[in-house]
Amino acid sequence: MRFNNRVVVITGASSGIGKALVIEFAQEGATVVAAARSFDKLENLQVDVTERGGVMFPIETDVSKEE
């Protein structure tokens, strides 16, 4: 577990490379803060990560909007 006691923030986490990174970092022991526009997809990803023994916090956000 190379990332025990570490927090990783990933944007674009609901699909593609972002989703793969969430799974990989969680499997390596990181607590993952996963941000994306689609909260439904994040919730499904959280179930998957949790079932694999990882920890993930979903955050619905659009990083293209500063406010």
N, C-alpha and C. Protein backbone atom coordinates (compact mmCIF):
# COMPACT_ATOMS: atom_id res chain seq x y z
N MET A 1 0.84 -1.19 0.00
CA MET A 1 0.00 0.00 0.00
C MET A 1 0.88 1.25 0.00
N ARG A 2 1.21 1.69 -1.18
CA ARG A 2 2.13 2.82 -1.33
C ARG A 2 1.53 4.16 -0.93
N PHE A 3 0.21 4.26 -0.90
CA PHE A 3 -0.42 5.55 -0.63
C PHE A 3 -1.22 5.57 0.67
N ASN A 4 -0.89 4.69 1.60
CA ASN A 4 -1.55 4.73 2.91
C ASN A 4 -1.34 6.10 3.54
N ASN A 5 -2.37 6.59 4.23
CA ASN A 5 -2.32 7.88 4.91
C ASN A 5 -2.13 9.05 3.95
N ARG A 6 -2.54 8.89 2.71
CA ARG A 6 -2.47 9.95 1.72
C ARG A 6 -3.87 10.23 1.19
N VAL A 7 -4.10 11.48 0.81
CA VAL A 7 -5.37 11.86 0.17
C VAL A 7 -5.06 12.29 -1.25
N VAL A 8 -5.81 11.76 -2.20
CA VAL A 8 -5.64 12.08 -3.61
C VAL A 8 -6.94 12.69 -4.11
N VAL A 9 -6.86 13.83 -4.81
CA VAL A 9 -8.02 14.48 -5.40
C VAL A 9 -7.94 14.27 -6.91
N ILE A 10 -9.02 13.73 -7.49
CA ILE A 10 -9.06 13.47 -8.92
C ILE A 10 -10.30 14.13 -9.51
N THR A 11 -10.08 14.98 -10.51
CA THR A 11 -11.20 15.60 -11.23
C THR A 11 -11.48 14.77 -12.48
N GLY A 12 -12.68 14.88 -12.98
CA GLY A 12 -13.07 14.07 -14.14
C GLY A 12 -13.12 12.60 -13.77
N ALA A 13 -13.53 12.33 -12.54
CA ALA A 13 -13.41 10.99 -11.97
C ALA A 13 -14.53 10.02 -12.34
N SER A 14 -15.55 10.49 -13.05
CA SER A 14 -16.70 9.61 -13.29
C SER A 14 -16.52 8.68 -14.47
N SER A 15 -15.48 8.91 -15.29
CA SER A 15 -15.29 8.03 -16.46
C SER A 15 -13.85 8.10 -16.95
N GLY A 16 -13.53 7.22 -17.86
CA GLY A 16 -12.25 7.24 -18.54
C GLY A 16 -11.04 7.13 -17.62
N ILE A 17 -10.03 7.94 -17.94
CA ILE A 17 -8.77 7.91 -17.18
C ILE A 17 -9.01 8.29 -15.72
N GLY A 18 -9.87 9.28 -15.48
CA GLY A 18 -10.15 9.69 -14.10
C GLY A 18 -10.69 8.55 -13.27
N LYS A 19 -11.63 7.81 -13.83
CA LYS A 19 -12.22 6.67 -13.12
C LYS A 19 -11.16 5.60 -12.85
N ALA A 20 -10.34 5.32 -13.84
CA ALA A 20 -9.28 4.33 -13.66
C ALA A 20 -8.30 4.75 -12.57
N LEU A 21 -7.99 6.05 -12.52
CA LEU A 21 -7.09 6.55 -11.47
C LEU A 21 -7.71 6.41 -10.08
N VAL A 22 -9.00 6.70 -9.98
CA VAL A 22 -9.68 6.53 -8.69
C VAL A 22 -9.52 5.10 -8.20
N ILE A 23 -9.82 4.16 -9.04
CA ILE A 23 -9.74 2.74 -8.65
C ILE A 23 -8.31 2.37 -8.28
N GLU A 24 -7.35 2.79 -9.08
CA GLU A 24 -5.95 2.43 -8.84
C GLU A 24 -5.42 3.03 -7.54
N PHE A 25 -5.66 4.32 -7.32
CA PHE A 25 -5.18 4.95 -6.09
C PHE A 25 -5.86 4.35 -4.86
N ALA A 26 -7.15 4.07 -4.94
CA ALA A 26 -7.87 3.46 -3.81
C ALA A 26 -7.30 2.08 -3.51
N GLN A 27 -6.98 1.32 -4.53
CA GLN A 27 -6.39 -0.01 -4.32
C GLN A 27 -5.00 0.08 -3.70
N GLU A 28 -4.33 1.20 -3.92
CA GLU A 28 -2.99 1.40 -3.34
C GLU A 28 -3.05 2.05 -1.97
N GLY A 29 -4.26 2.19 -1.40
CA GLY A 29 -4.40 2.65 -0.02
C GLY A 29 -4.75 4.10 0.18
N ALA A 30 -4.84 4.87 -0.90
CA ALA A 30 -5.16 6.30 -0.75
C ALA A 30 -6.63 6.50 -0.42
N THR A 31 -6.92 7.57 0.29
CA THR A 31 -8.28 8.06 0.42
C THR A 31 -8.49 8.97 -0.78
N VAL A 32 -9.49 8.68 -1.59
CA VAL A 32 -9.67 9.40 -2.85
C VAL A 32 -10.87 10.34 -2.75
N VAL A 33 -10.64 11.61 -3.10
CA VAL A 33 -11.72 12.57 -3.27
C VAL A 33 -11.95 12.64 -4.78
N ALA A 34 -13.10 12.14 -5.21
CA ALA A 34 -13.41 12.03 -6.63
C ALA A 34 -14.41 13.11 -7.02
N ALA A 35 -14.01 13.96 -7.95
CA ALA A 35 -14.85 15.07 -8.37
C ALA A 35 -15.27 14.92 -9.83
N ALA A 36 -16.54 15.19 -10.10
CA ALA A 36 -17.07 15.14 -11.46
C ALA A 36 -18.44 15.81 -11.49
N ARG A 37 -18.95 16.04 -12.69
CA ARG A 37 -20.27 16.65 -12.84
C ARG A 37 -21.40 15.68 -12.59
N SER A 38 -21.18 14.40 -12.86
CA SER A 38 -22.23 13.39 -12.75
C SER A 38 -22.17 12.68 -11.40
N PHE A 39 -23.02 13.14 -10.48
CA PHE A 39 -23.01 12.55 -9.14
C PHE A 39 -23.48 11.10 -9.17
N ASP A 40 -24.41 10.76 -10.05
CA ASP A 40 -24.89 9.37 -10.15
C ASP A 40 -23.74 8.43 -10.49
N LYS A 41 -22.90 8.81 -11.43
CA LYS A 41 -21.76 7.98 -11.80
C LYS A 41 -20.76 7.88 -10.64
N LEU A 42 -20.59 8.97 -9.92
CA LEU A 42 -19.68 8.95 -8.78
C LEU A 42 -20.19 8.02 -7.69
N GLU A 43 -21.50 8.02 -7.46
CA GLU A 43 -22.06 7.12 -6.45
C GLU A 43 -21.84 5.66 -6.85
N ASN A 44 -22.02 5.34 -8.12
CA ASN A 44 -21.76 3.97 -8.59
C ASN A 44 -20.30 3.61 -8.43
N LEU A 45 -19.42 4.55 -8.73
CA LEU A 45 -17.99 4.31 -8.56
C LEU A 45 -17.65 4.11 -7.10
N GLN A 46 -18.28 4.87 -6.22
CA GLN A 46 -18.01 4.73 -4.79
C GLN A 46 -18.38 3.33 -4.31
N VAL A 47 -19.48 2.79 -4.80
CA VAL A 47 -19.87 1.42 -4.44
C VAL A 47 -18.79 0.45 -4.88
N ASP A 48 -18.31 0.61 -6.11
CA ASP A 48 -17.27 -0.28 -6.64
C ASP A 48 -15.99 -0.18 -5.81
N VAL A 49 -15.56 1.03 -5.52
CA VAL A 49 -14.34 1.24 -4.73
C VAL A 49 -14.49 0.65 -3.33
N THR A 50 -15.63 0.87 -2.71
CA THR A 50 -15.87 0.36 -1.35
C THR A 50 -15.88 -1.16 -1.34
N GLU A 51 -16.50 -1.77 -2.34
CA GLU A 51 -16.53 -3.23 -2.42
C GLU A 51 -15.13 -3.82 -2.56
N ARG A 52 -14.22 -3.05 -3.12
CA ARG A 52 -12.82 -3.48 -3.26
C ARG A 52 -11.98 -3.14 -2.04
N GLY A 53 -12.61 -2.55 -1.02
CA GLY A 53 -11.91 -2.23 0.22
C GLY A 53 -11.30 -0.85 0.26
N GLY A 54 -11.62 0.00 -0.73
CA GLY A 54 -11.06 1.34 -0.78
C GLY A 54 -11.96 2.38 -0.13
N VAL A 55 -11.43 3.60 -0.05
CA VAL A 55 -12.18 4.72 0.53
C VAL A 55 -12.24 5.84 -0.50
N MET A 56 -13.46 6.30 -0.79
CA MET A 56 -13.65 7.35 -1.77
C MET A 56 -14.78 8.28 -1.32
N PHE A 57 -14.55 9.58 -1.51
CA PHE A 57 -15.57 10.58 -1.23
C PHE A 57 -15.98 11.25 -2.53
N PRO A 58 -17.25 11.12 -2.95
CA PRO A 58 -17.70 11.74 -4.19
C PRO A 58 -18.07 13.21 -3.98
N ILE A 59 -17.62 14.06 -4.90
CA ILE A 59 -17.94 15.49 -4.85
C ILE A 59 -18.45 15.90 -6.22
N GLU A 60 -19.71 16.35 -6.27
CA GLU A 60 -20.26 16.83 -7.53
C GLU A 60 -19.76 18.25 -7.77
N THR A 61 -19.04 18.45 -8.86
CA THR A 61 -18.49 19.76 -9.16
C THR A 61 -18.19 19.88 -10.64
N ASP A 62 -18.11 21.11 -11.10
CA ASP A 62 -17.71 21.41 -12.47
C ASP A 62 -16.52 22.34 -12.38
N VAL A 63 -15.32 21.83 -12.59
CA VAL A 63 -14.12 22.63 -12.41
C VAL A 63 -13.97 23.73 -13.46
N SER A 64 -14.82 23.72 -14.49
CA SER A 64 -14.75 24.80 -15.48
C SER A 64 -15.47 26.06 -14.99
N LYS A 65 -16.18 25.94 -13.86
CA LYS A 65 -16.91 27.09 -13.29
C LYS A 65 -16.23 27.51 -11.99
N GLU A 66 -15.63 28.67 -11.99
CA GLU A 66 -14.85 29.14 -10.84
C GLU A 66 -15.67 29.25 -9.56
N GLU A 67 -16.89 29.72 -9.65
CA GLU A 67 -17.70 29.90 -8.43
C GLU A 67 -18.07 28.56 -7.84
